[in-house]
Amino acid sequence: MDDLPLPPADRIADDHALLQLATWLAEDCAPGRGVVAVLCRPGPAAVGADDRAWDQQLRAQRRARVRGVFVAAGGTVRPLTLDDAA
């Protein structure tokens, strides 16, 4: 999905298109499995506040199991780890 808005400060809305897609994949296409999100954005590879917000909100929802969140930026792809959550 391209051009997703930044998540709200407190949570991603239940009807957000990204959550709908994750739920559809996890429940209808591959029940019992999880999803991996790759946040592709321009700019440096360093993890920023917006990346952390997406990571926290995706992992906080319970409709689809999130197996991993990655950031693709600055010519590299890297996972968001527990150290990045702070």
PDB file of N, CA and C in Angstrom:
ATOM      1  N   MET A   1       0.847  -1.152   0.000  1.00  0.00           N
ATOM      2  CA  MET A   1       0.000   0.000   0.000  1.00  0.00           C
ATOM      3  C   MET A   1       0.902   1.227   0.000  1.00  0.00           C
ATOM      4  N   ASP A   2       0.590   2.173  -0.812  1.00  0.00           N
ATOM      5  CA  ASP A   2       1.396   3.380  -0.919  1.00  0.00           C
ATOM      6  C   ASP A   2       0.712   4.566  -0.260  1.00  0.00           C
ATOM      7  N   ASP A   3       1.525   5.542   0.132  1.00  0.00           N
ATOM      8  CA  ASP A   3       1.047   6.834   0.636  1.00  0.00           C
ATOM      9  C   ASP A   3       0.109   6.718   1.826  1.00  0.00           C
ATOM     10  N   LEU A   4       0.466   5.863   2.780  1.00  0.00           N
ATOM     11  CA  LEU A   4      -0.339   5.761   3.989  1.00  0.00           C
ATOM     12  C   LEU A   4      -0.080   6.976   4.865  1.00  0.00           C
ATOM     13  N   PRO A   5      -1.117   7.523   5.466  1.00  0.00           N
ATOM     14  CA  PRO A   5      -0.899   8.643   6.382  1.00  0.00           C
ATOM     15  C   PRO A   5      -0.214   8.151   7.651  1.00  0.00           C
ATOM     16  N   LEU A   6       0.362   9.062   8.380  1.00  0.00           N
ATOM     17  CA  LEU A   6       0.948   8.695   9.658  1.00  0.00           C
ATOM     18  C   LEU A   6      -0.160   8.250  10.598  1.00  0.00           C
ATOM     19  N   PRO A   7       0.156   7.342  11.525  1.00  0.00           N
ATOM     20  CA  PRO A   7      -0.882   6.893  12.455  1.00  0.00           C
ATOM     21  C   PRO A   7      -1.241   8.002  13.429  1.00  0.00           C
ATOM     22  N   PRO A   8      -2.478   7.972  13.939  1.00  0.00           N
ATOM     23  CA  PRO A   8      -2.835   8.936  14.971  1.00  0.00           C
ATOM     24  C   PRO A   8      -1.905   8.758  16.168  1.00  0.00           C
ATOM     25  N   ALA A   9      -1.792   9.772  16.974  1.00  0.00           N
ATOM     26  CA  ALA A   9      -0.884   9.718  18.118  1.00  0.00           C
ATOM     27  C   ALA A   9      -1.260   8.604  19.096  1.00  0.00           C
ATOM     28  N   ASP A  10      -2.551   8.331  19.243  1.00  0.00           N
ATOM     29  CA  ASP A  10      -2.954   7.353  20.246  1.00  0.00           C
ATOM     30  C   ASP A  10      -3.181   5.951  19.697  1.00  0.00           C
ATOM     31  N   ARG A  11      -3.630   5.818  18.447  1.00  0.00           N
ATOM     32  CA  ARG A  11      -3.851   4.476  17.897  1.00  0.00           C
ATOM     33  C   ARG A  11      -4.171   4.563  16.410  1.00  0.00           C
ATOM     34  N   ILE A  12      -4.063   3.426  15.744  1.00  0.00           N
ATOM     35  CA  ILE A  12      -4.516   3.313  14.369  1.00  0.00           C
ATOM     36  C   ILE A  12      -5.999   2.972  14.420  1.00  0.00           C
ATOM     37  N   ALA A  13      -6.810   3.660  13.661  1.00  0.00           N
ATOM     38  CA  ALA A  13      -8.249   3.394  13.660  1.00  0.00           C
ATOM     39  C   ALA A  13      -8.521   1.956  13.234  1.00  0.00           C
ATOM     40  N   ASP A  14      -9.550   1.359  13.831  1.00  0.00           N
ATOM     41  CA  ASP A  14      -9.899  -0.027  13.517  1.00  0.00           C
ATOM     42  C   ASP A  14     -10.216  -0.233  12.042  1.00  0.00           C
ATOM     43  N   ASP A  15     -10.658   0.813  11.364  1.00  0.00           N
ATOM     44  CA  ASP A  15     -11.007   0.657   9.959  1.00  0.00           C
ATOM     45  C   ASP A  15      -9.875   1.113   9.025  1.00  0.00           C
ATOM     46  N   HIS A  16      -8.687   1.316   9.562  1.00  0.00           N
ATOM     47  CA  HIS A  16      -7.545   1.724   8.738  1.00  0.00           C
ATOM     48  C   HIS A  16      -7.275   0.647   7.682  1.00  0.00           C
ATOM     49  N   ALA A  17      -7.002   1.069   6.463  1.00  0.00           N
ATOM     50  CA  ALA A  17      -6.819   0.132   5.349  1.00  0.00           C
ATOM     51  C   ALA A  17      -5.713  -0.880   5.618  1.00  0.00           C
ATOM     52  N   LEU A  18      -4.643  -0.476   6.280  1.00  0.00           N
ATOM     53  CA  LEU A  18      -3.548  -1.405   6.562  1.00  0.00           C
ATOM     54  C   LEU A  18      -4.003  -2.515   7.508  1.00  0.00           C
ATOM     55  N   LEU A  19      -4.793  -2.161   8.526  1.00  0.00           N
ATOM     56  CA  LEU A  19      -5.307  -3.181   9.435  1.00  0.00           C
ATOM     57  C   LEU A  19      -6.316  -4.081   8.747  1.00  0.00           C
ATOM     58  N   GLN A  20      -7.122  -3.521   7.864  1.00  0.00           N
ATOM     59  CA  GLN A  20      -8.061  -4.348   7.112  1.00  0.00           C
ATOM     60  C   GLN A  20      -7.314  -5.366   6.262  1.00  0.00           C
ATOM     61  N   LEU A  21      -6.245  -4.933   5.615  1.00  0.00           N
ATOM     62  CA  LEU A  21      -5.450  -5.845   4.793  1.00  0.00           C
ATOM     63  C   LEU A  21      -4.801  -6.922   5.655  1.00  0.00           C
ATOM     64  N   ALA A  22      -4.197  -6.538   6.766  1.00  0.00           N
ATOM     65  CA  ALA A  22      -3.548  -7.506   7.653  1.00  0.00           C
ATOM     66  C   ALA A  22      -4.548  -8.516   8.195  1.00  0.00           C
ATOM     67  N   THR A  23      -5.720  -8.044   8.572  1.00  0.00           N
ATOM     68  CA  THR A  23      -6.756  -8.937   9.089  1.00  0.00           C
ATOM     69  C   THR A  23      -7.219  -9.908   8.007  1.00  0.00           C
ATOM     70  N   TRP A  24      -7.449  -9.406   6.815  1.00  0.00           N
ATOM     71  CA  TRP A  24      -7.881 -10.263   5.702  1.00  0.00           C
ATOM     72  C   TRP A  24      -6.832 -11.328   5.420  1.00  0.00           C
ATOM     73  N   LEU A  25      -5.569 -10.930   5.373  1.00  0.00           N
ATOM     74  CA  LEU A  25      -4.503 -11.904   5.116  1.00  0.00           C
ATOM     75  C   LEU A  25      -4.427 -12.952   6.223  1.00  0.00           C
ATOM     76  N   ALA A  26      -4.470 -12.489   7.480  1.00  0.00           N
ATOM     77  CA  ALA A  26      -4.300 -13.408   8.607  1.00  0.00           C
ATOM     78  C   ALA A  26      -5.516 -14.295   8.841  1.00  0.00           C
ATOM     79  N   GLU A  27      -6.722 -13.793   8.591  1.00  0.00           N
ATOM     80  CA  GLU A  27      -7.923 -14.564   8.899  1.00  0.00           C
ATOM     81  C   GLU A  27      -8.456 -15.342   7.705  1.00  0.00           C
ATOM     82  N   ASP A  28      -8.457 -14.738   6.532  1.00  0.00           N
ATOM     83  CA  ASP A  28      -9.081 -15.358   5.374  1.00  0.00           C
ATOM     84  C   ASP A  28      -8.100 -16.131   4.494  1.00  0.00           C
ATOM     85  N   CYS A  29      -6.923 -15.572   4.285  1.00  0.00           N
ATOM     86  CA  CYS A  29      -5.968 -16.208   3.372  1.00  0.00           C
ATOM     87  C   CYS A  29      -5.088 -17.242   4.067  1.00  0.00           C
ATOM     88  N   ALA A  30      -4.720 -16.967   5.282  1.00  0.00           N
ATOM     89  CA  ALA A  30      -3.790 -17.847   5.989  1.00  0.00           C
ATOM     90  C   ALA A  30      -4.147 -17.899   7.468  1.00  0.00           C
ATOM     91  N   PRO A  31      -5.262 -18.517   7.806  1.00  0.00           N
ATOM     92  CA  PRO A  31      -5.687 -18.571   9.205  1.00  0.00           C
ATOM     93  C   PRO A  31      -4.597 -19.155  10.107  1.00  0.00           C
ATOM     94  N   GLY A  32      -4.416 -18.536  11.261  1.00  0.00           N
ATOM     95  CA  GLY A  32      -3.427 -19.025  12.214  1.00  0.00           C
ATOM     96  C   GLY A  32      -2.008 -18.558  11.931  1.00  0.00           C
ATOM     97  N   ARG A  33      -1.830 -17.845  10.860  1.00  0.00           N
ATOM     98  CA  ARG A  33      -0.501 -17.346  10.525  1.00  0.00           C
ATOM     99  C   ARG A  33      -0.434 -15.857  10.832  1.00  0.00           C
ATOM    100  N   GLY A  34       0.717 -15.260  10.606  1.00  0.00           N
ATOM    101  CA  GLY A  34       0.891 -13.850  10.908  1.00  0.00           C
ATOM    102  C   GLY A  34       1.253 -13.050   9.679  1.00  0.00           C
ATOM    103  N   VAL A  35       1.463 -11.771   9.888  1.00  0.00           N
ATOM    104  CA  VAL A  35       1.839 -10.865   8.803  1.00  0.00           C
ATOM    105  C   VAL A  35       3.135 -10.151   9.171  1.00  0.00           C
ATOM    106  N   VAL A  36       3.833  -9.695   8.141  1.00  0.00           N
ATOM    107  CA  VAL A  36       5.038  -8.887   8.292  1.00  0.00           C
ATOM    108  C   VAL A  36       4.790  -7.578   7.560  1.00  0.00           C
ATOM    109  N   ALA A  37       5.111  -6.463   8.205  1.00  0.00           N
ATOM    110  CA  ALA A  37       4.926  -5.151   7.590  1.00  0.00           C
ATOM    111  C   ALA A  37       6.283  -4.565   7.235  1.00  0.00           C
ATOM    112  N   VAL A  38       6.373  -3.979   6.049  1.00  0.00           N
ATOM    113  CA  VAL A  38       7.570  -3.253   5.628  1.00  0.00           C
ATOM    114  C   VAL A  38       7.148  -1.813   5.367  1.00  0.00           C
ATOM    115  N   LEU A  39       7.668  -0.906   6.170  1.00  0.00           N
ATOM    116  CA  LEU A  39       7.376   0.515   6.036  1.00  0.00           C
ATOM    117  C   LEU A  39       8.412   1.115   5.103  1.00  0.00           C
ATOM    118  N   CYS A  40       8.010   1.441   3.899  1.00  0.00           N
ATOM    119  CA  CYS A  40       8.908   2.027   2.897  1.00  0.00           C
ATOM    120  C   CYS A  40       8.720   3.532   2.903  1.00  0.00           C
ATOM    121  N   ARG A  41       9.816   4.250   3.085  1.00  0.00           N
ATOM    122  CA  ARG A  41       9.707   5.702   3.138  1.00  0.00           C
ATOM    123  C   ARG A  41      10.986   6.338   2.630  1.00  0.00           C
ATOM    124  N   PRO A  42      10.911   7.592   2.195  1.00  0.00           N
ATOM    125  CA  PRO A  42      12.119   8.309   1.805  1.00  0.00           C
ATOM    126  C   PRO A  42      12.885   8.728   3.052  1.00  0.00           C
ATOM    127  N   GLY A  43      14.112   9.114   2.866  1.00  0.00           N
ATOM    128  CA  GLY A  43      14.889   9.639   3.983  1.00  0.00           C
ATOM    129  C   GLY A  43      15.928   8.663   4.480  1.00  0.00           C
ATOM    130  N   PRO A  44      16.559   9.013   5.593  1.00  0.00           N
ATOM    131  CA  PRO A  44      17.649   8.206   6.134  1.00  0.00           C
ATOM    132  C   PRO A  44      17.157   6.886   6.719  1.00  0.00           C
ATOM    133  N   ALA A  45      18.089   5.956   6.875  1.00  0.00           N
ATOM    134  CA  ALA A  45      17.757   4.632   7.390  1.00  0.00           C
ATOM    135  C   ALA A  45      17.492   4.631   8.895  1.00  0.00           C
ATOM    136  N   ALA A  46      17.915   5.675   9.593  1.00  0.00           N
ATOM    137  CA  ALA A  46      17.726   5.723  11.044  1.00  0.00           C
ATOM    138  C   ALA A  46      16.243   5.648  11.397  1.00  0.00           C
ATOM    139  N   VAL A  47      15.937   4.894  12.441  1.00  0.00           N
ATOM    140  CA  VAL A  47      14.563   4.744  12.903  1.00  0.00           C
ATOM    141  C   VAL A  47      14.133   6.039  13.585  1.00  0.00           C
ATOM    142  N   GLY A  48      12.964   6.540  13.195  1.00  0.00           N
ATOM    143  CA  GLY A  48      12.447   7.779  13.762  1.00  0.00           C
ATOM    144  C   GLY A  48      11.164   7.563  14.541  1.00  0.00           C
ATOM    145  N   ALA A  49      10.635   8.638  15.054  1.00  0.00           N
ATOM    146  CA  ALA A  49       9.422   8.585  15.869  1.00  0.00           C
ATOM    147  C   ALA A  49       8.235   8.028  15.087  1.00  0.00           C
ATOM    148  N   ASP A  50       8.110   8.388  13.804  1.00  0.00           N
ATOM    149  CA  ASP A  50       6.998   7.874  12.998  1.00  0.00           C
ATOM    150  C   ASP A  50       7.104   6.365  12.825  1.00  0.00           C
ATOM    151  N   ASP A  51       8.320   5.860  12.617  1.00  0.00           N
ATOM    152  CA  ASP A  51       8.524   4.413  12.491  1.00  0.00           C
ATOM    153  C   ASP A  51       8.131   3.709  13.787  1.00  0.00           C
ATOM    154  N   ARG A  52       8.548   4.281  14.899  1.00  0.00           N
ATOM    155  CA  ARG A  52       8.207   3.697  16.206  1.00  0.00           C
ATOM    156  C   ARG A  52       6.694   3.701  16.430  1.00  0.00           C
ATOM    157  N   ALA A  53       6.031   4.782  16.016  1.00  0.00           N
ATOM    158  CA  ALA A  53       4.577   4.859  16.190  1.00  0.00           C
ATOM    159  C   ALA A  53       3.882   3.764  15.396  1.00  0.00           C
ATOM    160  N   TRP A  54       4.280   3.565  14.127  1.00  0.00           N
ATOM    161  CA  TRP A  54       3.695   2.485  13.327  1.00  0.00           C
ATOM    162  C   TRP A  54       3.955   1.137  13.988  1.00  0.00           C
ATOM    163  N   ASP A  55       5.185   0.890  14.419  1.00  0.00           N
ATOM    164  CA  ASP A  55       5.545  -0.381  15.046  1.00  0.00           C
ATOM    165  C   ASP A  55       4.679  -0.639  16.279  1.00  0.00           C
ATOM    166  N   GLN A  56       4.597   0.345  17.154  1.00  0.00           N
ATOM    167  CA  GLN A  56       3.820   0.181  18.383  1.00  0.00           C
ATOM    168  C   GLN A  56       2.347  -0.062  18.101  1.00  0.00           C
ATOM    169  N   GLN A  57       1.786   0.691  17.155  1.00  0.00           N
ATOM    170  CA  GLN A  57       0.366   0.553  16.871  1.00  0.00           C
ATOM    171  C   GLN A  57       0.047  -0.755  16.165  1.00  0.00           C
ATOM    172  N   LEU A  58       0.899  -1.170  15.253  1.00  0.00           N
ATOM    173  CA  LEU A  58       0.660  -2.448  14.574  1.00  0.00           C
ATOM    174  C   LEU A  58       0.742  -3.610  15.557  1.00  0.00           C
ATOM    175  N   ARG A  59       1.705  -3.567  16.449  1.00  0.00           N
ATOM    176  CA  ARG A  59       1.861  -4.653  17.423  1.00  0.00           C
ATOM    177  C   ARG A  59       0.793  -4.618  18.511  1.00  0.00           C
ATOM    178  N   ALA A  60       0.222  -3.445  18.792  1.00  0.00           N
ATOM    179  CA  ALA A  60      -0.779  -3.322  19.846  1.00  0.00           C
ATOM    180  C   ALA A  60      -2.143  -3.872  19.431  1.00  0.00           C
ATOM    181  N   GLN A  61      -2.458  -3.810  18.149  1.00  0.00           N
ATOM    182  CA  GLN A  61      -3.760  -4.314  17.716  1.00  0.00           C
ATOM    183  C   GLN A  61      -3.771  -5.835  17.816  1.00  0.00           C
ATOM    184  N   ARG A  62      -4.931  -6.417  17.940  1.00  0.00           N
ATOM    185  CA  ARG A  62      -5.042  -7.868  18.168  1.00  0.00           C
ATOM    186  C   ARG A  62      -5.799  -8.593  17.059  1.00  0.00           C
ATOM    187  N   ARG A  63      -6.104  -7.910  15.970  1.00  0.00           N
ATOM    188  CA  ARG A  63      -6.863  -8.557  14.898  1.00  0.00           C
ATOM    189  C   ARG A  63      -5.999  -9.437  14.021  1.00  0.00           C
ATOM    190  N   ALA A  64      -4.721  -9.121  13.914  1.00  0.00           N
ATOM    191  CA  ALA A  64      -3.805  -9.911  13.095  1.00  0.00           C
ATOM    192  C   ALA A  64      -2.478 -10.022  13.830  1.00  0.00           C
ATOM    193  N   ARG A  65      -1.908 -11.222  13.858  1.00  0.00           N
ATOM    194  CA  ARG A  65      -0.622 -11.416  14.528  1.00  0.00           C
ATOM    195  C   ARG A  65       0.495 -10.805  13.682  1.00  0.00           C
ATOM    196  N   VAL A  66       1.234  -9.892  14.258  1.00  0.00           N
ATOM    197  CA  VAL A  66       2.336  -9.235  13.558  1.00  0.00           C
ATOM    198  C   VAL A  66       3.633  -9.977  13.918  1.00  0.00           C
ATOM    199  N   ARG A  67       4.257 -10.570  12.916  1.00  0.00           N
ATOM    200  CA  ARG A  67       5.489 -11.333  13.118  1.00  0.00           C
ATOM    201  C   ARG A  67       6.729 -10.463  13.038  1.00  0.00           C
ATOM    202  N   GLY A  68       6.623  -9.322  12.375  1.00  0.00           N
ATOM    203  CA  GLY A  68       7.769  -8.437  12.256  1.00  0.00           C
ATOM    204  C   GLY A  68       7.394  -7.151  11.555  1.00  0.00           C
ATOM    205  N   VAL A  69       8.137  -6.094  11.886  1.00  0.00           N
ATOM    206  CA  VAL A  69       7.972  -4.805  11.229  1.00  0.00           C
ATOM    207  C   VAL A  69       9.363  -4.360  10.795  1.00  0.00           C
ATOM    208  N   PHE A  70       9.467  -3.972   9.538  1.00  0.00           N
ATOM    209  CA  PHE A  70      10.744  -3.556   8.959  1.00  0.00           C
ATOM    210  C   PHE A  70      10.613  -2.156   8.399  1.00  0.00           C
ATOM    211  N   VAL A  71      11.738  -1.447   8.317  1.00  0.00           N
ATOM    212  CA  VAL A  71      11.785  -0.123   7.696  1.00  0.00           C
ATOM    213  C   VAL A  71      12.714  -0.207   6.489  1.00  0.00           C
ATOM    214  N   ALA A  72      12.198   0.205   5.333  1.00  0.00           N
ATOM    215  CA  ALA A  72      13.000   0.283   4.104  1.00  0.00           C
ATOM    216  C   ALA A  72      13.208   1.767   3.811  1.00  0.00           C
ATOM    217  N   ALA A  73      14.443   2.218   4.022  1.00  0.00           N
ATOM    218  CA  ALA A  73      14.767   3.634   3.805  1.00  0.00           C
ATOM    219  C   ALA A  73      16.278   3.775   3.675  1.00  0.00           C
ATOM    220  N   GLY A  74      16.708   4.816   3.006  1.00  0.00           N
ATOM    221  CA  GLY A  74      18.130   5.085   2.896  1.00  0.00           C
ATOM    222  C   GLY A  74      18.918   3.980   2.217  1.00  0.00           C
ATOM    223  N   GLY A  75      18.264   3.233   1.317  1.00  0.00           N
ATOM    224  CA  GLY A  75      18.951   2.171   0.585  1.00  0.00           C
ATOM    225  C   GLY A  75      19.148   0.887   1.370  1.00  0.00           C
ATOM    226  N   THR A  76      18.447   0.727   2.497  1.00  0.00           N
ATOM    227  CA  THR A  76      18.584  -0.477   3.311  1.00  0.00           C
ATOM    228  C   THR A  76      17.226  -0.895   3.872  1.00  0.00           C
ATOM    229  N   VAL A  77      17.132  -2.138   4.280  1.00  0.00           N
ATOM    230  CA  VAL A  77      15.939  -2.646   4.957  1.00  0.00           C
ATOM    231  C   VAL A  77      16.398  -3.203   6.290  1.00  0.00           C
ATOM    232  N   ARG A  78      15.760  -2.744   7.350  1.00  0.00           N
ATOM    233  CA  ARG A  78      16.164  -3.232   8.673  1.00  0.00           C
ATOM    234  C   ARG A  78      14.936  -3.506   9.538  1.00  0.00           C
ATOM    235  N   PRO A  79      15.046  -4.486  10.424  1.00  0.00           N
ATOM    236  CA  PRO A  79      13.921  -4.770  11.318  1.00  0.00           C
ATOM    237  C   PRO A  79      13.840  -3.739  12.423  1.00  0.00           C
ATOM    238  N   LEU A  80      12.635  -3.515  12.900  1.00  0.00           N
ATOM    239  CA  LEU A  80      12.454  -2.731  14.120  1.00  0.00           C
ATOM    240  C   LEU A  80      12.535  -3.726  15.275  1.00  0.00           C
ATOM    241  N   THR A  81      13.428  -3.490  16.189  1.00  0.00           N
ATOM    242  CA  THR A  81      13.659  -4.400  17.309  1.00  0.00           C
ATOM    243  C   THR A  81      13.094  -3.808  18.597  1.00  0.00           C
ATOM    244  N   LEU A  82      13.167  -4.582  19.667  1.00  0.00           N
ATOM    245  CA  LEU A  82      12.715  -4.081  20.963  1.00  0.00           C
ATOM    246  C   LEU A  82      13.512  -2.855  21.380  1.00  0.00           C
ATOM    247  N   ASP A  83      14.798  -2.800  21.023  1.00  0.00           N
ATOM    248  CA  ASP A  83      15.619  -1.630  21.337  1.00  0.00           C
ATOM    249  C   ASP A  83      15.112  -0.380  20.625  1.00  0.00           C
ATOM    250  N   ASP A  84      14.492  -0.554  19.454  1.00  0.00           N
ATOM    251  CA  ASP A  84      13.975   0.585  18.698  1.00  0.00           C
ATOM    252  C   ASP A  84      12.682   1.138  19.292  1.00  0.00           C
ATOM    253  N   ALA A  85      12.020   0.358  20.126  1.00  0.00           N
ATOM    254  CA  ALA A  85      10.714   0.754  20.665  1.00  0.00           C
ATOM    255  C   ALA A  85      10.800   1.905  21.651  1.00  0.00           C
ATOM    256  N   ALA A  86      11.950   2.107  22.221  1.00  0.00           N
ATOM    257  CA  ALA A  86      12.104   3.159  23.255  1.00  0.00           C
ATOM    258  C   ALA A  86      12.122   4.542  22.644  1.00  0.00           C
TER     259      ALA A  86
END
